[in-house]
Amino acid sequence: MSQNQSTPSREVARRAFASEFNDAGYTFTESDDERAPVYALLPTGESSNRVFFVGTLTEKEDVGDDSEYWRGRIVDPTGTFFVYAGQYQPEAASKLRDLEPPAYVAVVGKPRTYETDDGTVRVSVRPESITETDAATRDRWVAETARRTVERVAAFDDEGNEYARMAREEYDLDPETYKAAALSALEDLDESGDELAGDSDAGDAAAPDADESGPDSAVSDETDPAGTPEP
């Protein structure tokens, strides 16, 4: 356990499309420790203390009252991520302040749930880092995220898949929905769609869930469903 020092702050950052991430409203801890990491439960059967995604920043707004509190709207081929950064995320807040939409961005951050007045649970991201990137990086992220999603769906019914069991208990959601969204996302990529068409080898070329990758462009004109969580 000599590497304990890195565990709390450097959990693996999971790749997930917006359509799945926004359905991940159930959170949990795996110990009673006050400082135990909080995980969002992905509906395809995976825990996520950190998330990594790439998309197109289409809108930003300072929604703070007494101090800057930036909201960013970032879209991928399946939907919209909302990120919120304020005084406790100074680098991410500064990046949102300086970026001019539309811009491709790669984001690593922590899932955050927010309950609205009517009891609806919304999911957003508190960013640790926001990096401007390019279309090629976005395409690579789409391909790798699709592979990871297909892998999770393929393993969903495996005996001993604890997080899939939790997902069945907590969500009334069909994981095949997210596989379909992943495959659909690949249709816009010239080469990756053929690579993933056969599920049997879907994960072989996937990069490990953890680091960087690319953004995507998709259009969503819906109003902000995330609400405005407290800073």
Protein backbone atom coordinates (compact mmCIF):
# COMPACT_ATOMS: atom_id res chain seq x y z
CA MET A 1 0.00 0.00 0.00
CA SER A 2 3.02 2.27 -0.38
CA GLN A 3 1.30 4.07 -3.26
CA ASN A 4 -1.59 5.11 -1.03
CA GLN A 5 -0.60 8.74 -1.29
CA SER A 6 -1.57 8.93 -4.98
CA THR A 7 -4.85 7.00 -4.77
CA PRO A 8 -7.21 9.70 -3.42
CA SER A 9 -6.21 12.42 -5.88
CA ARG A 10 -5.41 10.40 -9.01
CA GLU A 11 -8.30 8.02 -9.55
CA VAL A 12 -8.57 6.72 -13.11
CA ALA A 13 -10.45 9.15 -15.37
CA ARG A 14 -13.13 7.16 -17.22
CA ARG A 15 -14.10 7.90 -20.80
CA ALA A 16 -17.87 8.24 -21.24
CA PHE A 17 -20.13 9.89 -23.77
CA ALA A 18 -22.48 12.64 -22.59
CA SER A 19 -25.58 10.49 -23.10
CA GLU A 20 -24.35 7.99 -20.50
CA PHE A 21 -22.67 10.47 -18.18
CA ASN A 22 -25.84 12.53 -17.82
CA ASP A 23 -27.72 9.41 -16.69
CA ALA A 24 -25.15 8.67 -13.96
CA GLY A 25 -27.06 10.32 -11.12
CA TYR A 26 -26.29 7.72 -8.44
CA THR A 27 -23.17 8.35 -6.33
CA PHE A 28 -21.54 6.25 -3.62
CA THR A 29 -18.39 5.73 -1.54
CA GLU A 30 -16.61 2.46 -0.88
CA SER A 31 -15.71 3.14 2.74
CA ASP A 32 -16.98 5.07 5.75
CA ASP A 33 -13.91 7.28 5.82
CA GLU A 34 -14.82 10.99 5.78
CA ARG A 35 -12.36 11.57 2.95
CA ALA A 36 -13.31 8.50 0.92
CA PRO A 37 -13.60 9.19 -2.83
CA VAL A 38 -17.11 9.71 -4.16
CA TYR A 39 -17.95 7.75 -7.29
CA ALA A 40 -20.63 8.25 -9.92
CA LEU A 41 -22.08 4.96 -11.15
CA LEU A 42 -22.08 4.74 -14.94
CA PRO A 43 -25.18 2.92 -16.25
CA THR A 44 -22.97 0.53 -18.26
CA GLY A 45 -21.50 -0.80 -15.00
CA GLU A 46 -18.41 1.19 -14.01
CA SER A 47 -17.46 3.50 -11.16
CA SER A 48 -16.17 6.96 -12.00
CA ASN A 49 -14.48 9.31 -9.56
CA ARG A 50 -13.02 11.26 -12.48
CA VAL A 51 -14.13 11.59 -16.08
CA PHE A 52 -12.27 12.45 -19.27
CA PHE A 53 -14.06 13.79 -22.32
CA VAL A 54 -13.47 15.87 -25.41
CA GLY A 55 -16.02 18.00 -27.20
CA THR A 56 -16.84 21.39 -28.62
CA LEU A 57 -17.23 24.28 -26.22
CA THR A 58 -20.30 25.96 -27.70
CA GLU A 59 -21.13 28.41 -24.91
CA LYS A 60 -19.70 29.88 -21.73
CA GLU A 61 -21.18 32.19 -19.13
CA ASP A 62 -20.19 33.71 -15.81
CA VAL A 63 -23.13 32.72 -13.59
CA GLY A 64 -21.54 33.82 -10.30
CA ASP A 65 -22.99 36.48 -8.02
CA ASP A 66 -20.20 37.74 -5.76
CA SER A 67 -17.32 36.08 -7.61
CA GLU A 68 -16.64 34.49 -10.98
CA TYR A 69 -18.34 31.12 -11.45
CA TRP A 70 -18.07 29.93 -15.02
CA ARG A 71 -20.43 27.52 -16.73
CA GLY A 72 -19.31 25.88 -19.96
CA ARG A 73 -21.48 23.91 -22.37
CA ILE A 74 -19.51 21.21 -24.20
CA VAL A 75 -21.05 18.88 -26.77
CA ASP A 76 -20.02 15.47 -28.08
CA PRO A 77 -21.82 13.37 -30.71
CA THR A 78 -24.35 12.09 -28.14
CA GLY A 79 -25.26 15.11 -26.05
CA THR A 80 -24.03 17.89 -23.77
CA PHE A 81 -21.68 18.09 -20.80
CA PHE A 82 -21.95 21.05 -18.42
CA VAL A 83 -18.83 22.13 -16.53
CA TYR A 84 -18.71 24.60 -13.63
CA ALA A 85 -15.52 26.25 -12.39
CA GLY A 86 -15.02 28.96 -9.79
CA GLN A 87 -12.52 30.12 -7.20
CA TYR A 88 -11.65 26.56 -6.15
CA GLN A 89 -10.80 25.59 -9.74
CA PRO A 90 -8.80 28.70 -10.72
CA GLU A 91 -6.97 27.21 -13.72
CA ALA A 92 -10.13 25.77 -15.27
CA ALA A 93 -12.07 28.97 -14.55
CA SER A 94 -9.33 31.04 -16.16
CA LYS A 95 -9.36 28.79 -19.22
CA LEU A 96 -13.12 29.12 -19.60
CA ARG A 97 -12.82 32.88 -19.24
CA ASP A 98 -10.22 33.06 -22.02
CA LEU A 99 -11.65 30.57 -24.51
CA GLU A 100 -13.82 31.82 -27.35
CA PRO A 101 -16.52 29.37 -28.52
CA PRO A 102 -16.65 27.36 -30.62
CA ALA A 103 -13.47 25.56 -29.58
CA TYR A 104 -12.43 21.94 -29.24
CA VAL A 105 -11.54 21.16 -25.62
CA ALA A 106 -10.34 18.16 -23.62
CA VAL A 107 -11.57 18.06 -20.02
CA VAL A 108 -10.61 16.00 -16.98
CA GLY A 109 -12.80 16.51 -13.94
CA LYS A 110 -14.98 15.09 -11.23
CA PRO A 111 -18.64 14.17 -11.68
CA ARG A 112 -20.98 16.22 -9.53
CA THR A 113 -24.66 15.64 -8.89
CA TYR A 114 -27.12 18.42 -8.18
CA GLU A 115 -30.73 18.04 -7.06
CA THR A 116 -33.16 20.63 -8.39
CA ASP A 117 -36.14 22.00 -6.45
CA ASP A 118 -38.42 19.39 -8.02
CA GLY A 119 -36.14 16.53 -6.94
CA THR A 120 -34.55 15.89 -10.34
CA VAL A 121 -30.89 14.88 -10.16
CA ARG A 122 -28.65 16.64 -12.66
CA VAL A 123 -25.06 15.67 -13.39
CA SER A 124 -22.26 18.10 -14.22
CA VAL A 125 -18.46 18.20 -14.12
CA ARG A 126 -16.14 20.12 -11.82
CA PRO A 127 -13.09 20.42 -14.12
CA GLU A 128 -9.55 19.81 -12.94
CA SER A 129 -8.16 20.80 -16.33
CA ILE A 130 -9.46 22.19 -19.60
CA THR A 131 -7.16 22.07 -22.62
CA GLU A 132 -7.84 23.49 -26.06
CA THR A 133 -7.27 20.83 -28.69
CA ASP A 134 -8.18 19.92 -32.29
CA ALA A 135 -10.52 17.83 -34.44
CA ALA A 136 -8.05 14.95 -34.80
CA THR A 137 -7.84 14.61 -31.02
CA ARG A 138 -11.62 14.75 -30.82
CA ASP A 139 -11.92 11.95 -33.37
CA ARG A 140 -9.46 9.80 -31.48
CA TRP A 141 -11.41 10.33 -28.26
CA VAL A 142 -14.68 9.37 -29.96
CA ALA A 143 -13.15 6.12 -31.24
CA GLU A 144 -11.56 5.18 -27.91
CA THR A 145 -14.64 6.12 -25.89
CA ALA A 146 -16.83 4.05 -28.20
CA ARG A 147 -14.55 1.07 -27.65
CA ARG A 148 -14.67 1.49 -23.88
CA THR A 149 -18.44 1.81 -23.92
CA VAL A 150 -18.85 -1.35 -26.02
CA GLU A 151 -16.48 -3.19 -23.67
CA ARG A 152 -18.53 -2.22 -20.63
CA VAL A 153 -21.80 -3.26 -22.26
CA ALA A 154 -20.26 -6.60 -23.33
CA ALA A 155 -19.21 -7.27 -19.71
CA PHE A 156 -22.47 -6.05 -18.18
CA ASP A 157 -23.91 -9.54 -17.57
CA ASP A 158 -20.65 -11.11 -16.42
CA GLU A 159 -20.89 -12.94 -13.11
CA GLY A 160 -19.04 -10.94 -10.49
CA ASN A 161 -19.46 -7.58 -12.23
CA GLU A 162 -20.25 -5.66 -9.05
CA TYR A 163 -20.84 -2.28 -10.66
CA ALA A 164 -23.17 -3.75 -13.28
CA ARG A 165 -25.18 -5.32 -10.46
CA MET A 166 -25.36 -1.92 -8.78
CA ALA A 167 -26.44 -0.32 -12.06
CA ARG A 168 -29.27 -2.84 -12.44
CA GLU A 169 -30.42 -2.01 -8.91
CA GLU A 170 -30.14 1.77 -9.18
CA TYR A 171 -31.18 2.45 -12.77
CA ASP A 172 -34.02 1.32 -14.98
CA LEU A 173 -31.85 1.75 -18.06
CA ASP A 174 -30.85 -0.58 -20.90
CA PRO A 175 -27.06 -0.57 -21.40
CA GLU A 176 -27.58 -1.45 -25.07
CA THR A 177 -28.82 2.13 -25.49
CA TYR A 178 -25.32 3.41 -24.79
CA LYS A 179 -23.74 0.86 -27.14
CA ALA A 180 -26.06 2.11 -29.89
CA ALA A 181 -25.09 5.72 -29.12
CA ALA A 182 -21.40 4.79 -29.26
CA LEU A 183 -21.74 3.06 -32.61
CA SER A 184 -23.75 5.98 -33.94
CA ALA A 185 -21.01 8.37 -32.82
CA LEU A 186 -18.55 6.44 -34.95
CA GLU A 187 -20.59 6.92 -38.10
CA ASP A 188 -19.08 10.39 -38.49
CA LEU A 189 -15.55 9.02 -38.38
CA ASP A 190 -14.18 7.69 -41.66
CA GLU A 191 -12.15 4.74 -40.39
CA SER A 192 -13.09 3.98 -36.79
CA GLY A 193 -16.59 2.72 -37.52
CA ASP A 194 -15.29 -0.31 -39.44
CA GLU A 195 -12.84 -1.09 -36.64
CA LEU A 196 -15.56 -1.36 -34.04
CA ALA A 197 -18.22 -3.01 -36.16
CA GLY A 198 -17.14 -6.41 -34.84
CA ASP A 199 -17.64 -6.40 -31.07
CA SER A 200 -15.28 -9.29 -30.34
CA ASP A 201 -12.11 -7.22 -30.64
CA ALA A 202 -13.61 -3.86 -29.68
CA GLY A 203 -11.31 -3.22 -26.75
CA ASP A 204 -8.01 -4.55 -28.04
CA ALA A 205 -6.72 -1.25 -29.44
CA ALA A 206 -8.26 0.98 -26.80
CA ALA A 207 -6.01 3.22 -24.79
CA PRO A 208 -6.24 2.78 -20.99
CA ASP A 209 -8.90 4.80 -19.15
CA ALA A 210 -6.88 7.65 -17.76
CA ASP A 211 -5.27 10.36 -19.78
CA GLU A 212 -5.83 12.78 -22.57
CA SER A 213 -7.57 12.79 -25.96
CA GLY A 214 -9.77 14.81 -28.36
CA PRO A 215 -12.92 16.95 -28.88
CA ASP A 216 -16.01 16.71 -30.94
CA SER A 217 -18.54 18.81 -32.65
CA ALA A 218 -22.23 18.26 -32.36
CA VAL A 219 -25.13 20.67 -32.15
CA SER A 220 -27.60 20.77 -29.29
CA ASP A 221 -29.91 23.72 -28.86
CA GLU A 222 -31.72 22.63 -25.73
CA THR A 223 -31.76 24.91 -22.72
CA ASP A 224 -29.38 24.17 -19.83
CA PRO A 225 -30.71 21.00 -18.11
CA ALA A 226 -28.01 21.01 -15.47
CA GLY A 227 -29.34 23.86 -13.37
CA THR A 228 -26.75 25.95 -11.55
CA PRO A 229 -25.19 24.03 -8.66
CA GLU A 230 -23.82 25.86 -5.67
CA PRO A 231 -20.17 26.94 -6.07
